[in-house]
N, C-alpha and C. Protein backbone atom coordinates (compact mmCIF):
# COMPACT_ATOMS: atom_id res chain seq x y z
N MET A 1 105.04 68.69 108.42
CA MET A 1 106.26 69.16 109.01
C MET A 1 106.23 70.63 109.21
N HIS A 2 105.98 71.44 108.18
CA HIS A 2 105.87 72.88 108.25
C HIS A 2 104.55 73.33 107.83
N ALA A 3 103.51 72.76 108.37
CA ALA A 3 102.13 73.06 107.91
C ALA A 3 101.72 74.51 108.15
N ASN A 4 102.41 75.19 109.08
CA ASN A 4 101.96 76.58 109.33
C ASN A 4 102.68 77.63 108.48
N LEU A 5 103.64 77.20 107.66
CA LEU A 5 104.35 78.09 106.81
C LEU A 5 103.53 78.32 105.53
N PRO A 6 103.47 79.62 105.08
CA PRO A 6 102.73 79.88 103.82
C PRO A 6 103.45 79.23 102.66
N LEU A 7 102.70 78.76 101.69
CA LEU A 7 103.33 78.05 100.56
C LEU A 7 103.70 79.01 99.45
N THR A 8 103.03 80.17 99.36
CA THR A 8 103.32 81.10 98.32
C THR A 8 103.42 82.54 98.92
N LEU A 9 103.99 83.42 98.11
CA LEU A 9 104.09 84.82 98.53
C LEU A 9 102.68 85.39 98.81
N GLY A 10 101.71 84.97 97.97
CA GLY A 10 100.36 85.45 98.16
C GLY A 10 99.83 85.02 99.52
N ASP A 11 100.08 83.72 99.89
CA ASP A 11 99.64 83.29 101.20
C ASP A 11 100.29 84.01 102.32
N ALA A 12 101.63 84.29 102.12
CA ALA A 12 102.38 85.03 103.12
C ALA A 12 101.88 86.41 103.33
N ALA A 13 101.55 87.12 102.23
CA ALA A 13 101.02 88.49 102.32
C ALA A 13 99.67 88.47 103.01
N ALA A 14 98.82 87.42 102.78
CA ALA A 14 97.53 87.38 103.46
C ALA A 14 97.73 87.09 104.94
N ALA A 15 98.70 86.23 105.33
CA ALA A 15 99.03 85.94 106.71
C ALA A 15 99.58 87.16 107.42
N PHE A 16 100.24 88.03 106.71
CA PHE A 16 100.82 89.22 107.24
C PHE A 16 99.76 90.17 107.85
N ASN A 17 98.54 90.08 107.39
CA ASN A 17 97.47 90.87 107.89
C ASN A 17 97.07 90.55 109.31
N ASN A 18 97.70 89.48 109.85
CA ASN A 18 97.49 89.13 111.23
C ASN A 18 97.94 90.29 112.09
N GLN A 19 97.07 90.75 113.02
CA GLN A 19 97.34 91.93 113.83
C GLN A 19 98.54 91.80 114.75
N VAL A 20 98.85 90.56 115.22
CA VAL A 20 100.03 90.42 116.04
C VAL A 20 101.30 90.67 115.24
N ILE A 21 101.32 90.14 114.02
CA ILE A 21 102.52 90.39 113.17
C ILE A 21 102.63 91.81 112.75
N ARG A 22 101.52 92.41 112.36
CA ARG A 22 101.52 93.80 111.91
C ARG A 22 101.87 94.71 113.09
N GLY A 23 101.51 94.33 114.28
CA GLY A 23 101.80 95.19 115.48
C GLY A 23 103.30 95.27 115.82
N ALA A 24 104.06 94.35 115.26
CA ALA A 24 105.51 94.37 115.50
C ALA A 24 106.20 95.47 114.69
N LEU A 25 105.53 95.99 113.68
CA LEU A 25 106.14 97.03 112.82
C LEU A 25 105.35 98.33 112.93
N ALA A 26 106.02 99.44 112.60
CA ALA A 26 105.37 100.73 112.59
C ALA A 26 104.24 100.61 111.51
N PRO A 27 103.08 101.28 111.77
CA PRO A 27 101.95 101.19 110.86
C PRO A 27 102.31 101.56 109.39
N ASP A 28 103.09 102.64 109.22
CA ASP A 28 103.50 102.98 107.86
C ASP A 28 104.33 101.92 107.13
N LEU A 29 105.22 101.33 107.90
CA LEU A 29 106.08 100.30 107.37
C LEU A 29 105.27 99.02 107.03
N ALA A 30 104.37 98.66 107.90
CA ALA A 30 103.51 97.50 107.71
C ALA A 30 102.69 97.69 106.44
N HIS A 31 102.11 98.91 106.26
CA HIS A 31 101.27 99.13 105.08
C HIS A 31 102.10 99.10 103.79
N GLN A 32 103.27 99.74 103.85
CA GLN A 32 104.11 99.76 102.68
C GLN A 32 104.62 98.33 102.32
N TYR A 33 104.97 97.57 103.28
CA TYR A 33 105.42 96.20 103.05
C TYR A 33 104.32 95.37 102.44
N THR A 34 103.11 95.52 102.93
CA THR A 34 101.97 94.78 102.40
C THR A 34 101.70 95.15 100.93
N GLU A 35 101.79 96.45 100.62
CA GLU A 35 101.52 96.93 99.28
C GLU A 35 102.60 96.39 98.28
N VAL A 36 103.87 96.44 98.70
CA VAL A 36 104.93 96.05 97.83
C VAL A 36 104.85 94.55 97.64
N LYS A 37 104.63 93.73 98.65
CA LYS A 37 104.63 92.29 98.47
C LYS A 37 103.36 91.85 97.67
N SER A 38 102.28 92.47 97.87
CA SER A 38 101.04 92.11 97.16
C SER A 38 101.21 92.44 95.66
N ASP A 39 101.85 93.59 95.37
CA ASP A 39 102.15 93.90 93.94
C ASP A 39 103.20 92.91 93.38
N GLU A 40 104.17 92.54 94.15
CA GLU A 40 105.18 91.60 93.70
C GLU A 40 104.48 90.28 93.31
N TRP A 41 103.51 89.80 94.13
CA TRP A 41 102.83 88.58 93.93
C TRP A 41 102.00 88.69 92.64
N VAL A 42 101.31 89.75 92.39
CA VAL A 42 100.47 89.90 91.22
C VAL A 42 101.35 89.88 89.96
N ARG A 43 102.53 90.55 90.02
CA ARG A 43 103.42 90.56 88.89
C ARG A 43 104.03 89.13 88.64
N ALA A 44 104.38 88.49 89.69
CA ALA A 44 104.94 87.08 89.59
C ALA A 44 103.95 86.14 88.97
N CYS A 45 102.64 86.27 89.28
CA CYS A 45 101.65 85.39 88.74
C CYS A 45 101.47 85.64 87.25
N GLY A 46 101.70 86.81 86.77
CA GLY A 46 101.52 87.12 85.35
C GLY A 46 102.77 86.99 84.53
N ALA A 47 103.90 86.67 85.14
CA ALA A 47 105.17 86.58 84.46
C ALA A 47 105.33 85.25 83.71
N VAL A 48 105.96 85.36 82.55
CA VAL A 48 106.29 84.12 81.83
C VAL A 48 107.79 83.89 82.05
N THR A 49 108.13 82.78 82.77
CA THR A 49 109.47 82.51 83.12
C THR A 49 110.19 81.68 82.00
N HIS A 50 111.47 81.52 82.18
CA HIS A 50 112.24 80.62 81.33
C HIS A 50 111.74 79.20 81.34
N PHE A 51 111.37 78.76 82.52
CA PHE A 51 110.81 77.44 82.67
C PHE A 51 109.52 77.28 81.92
N ASP A 52 108.67 78.29 81.92
CA ASP A 52 107.37 78.23 81.17
C ASP A 52 107.64 78.15 79.67
N ARG A 53 108.62 78.90 79.20
CA ARG A 53 108.94 78.88 77.75
C ARG A 53 109.52 77.54 77.30
N GLU A 54 110.20 76.83 78.17
CA GLU A 54 110.80 75.57 77.86
C GLU A 54 109.77 74.42 77.85
N MET A 55 108.58 74.62 78.38
CA MET A 55 107.62 73.56 78.49
C MET A 55 107.02 73.26 77.18
């Protein structure tokens, strides 16, 4: 149904490197957005959530 949508923030950050998508934003904004979202994904992968603690 939505096979083209990224399943994770990491997948979305990787897809953002597409030149067509990046071309829609100013270069500085595109770079900053990529850095912030990549960092957010790394931190999310290492976080222990309430759900994890309940397992």
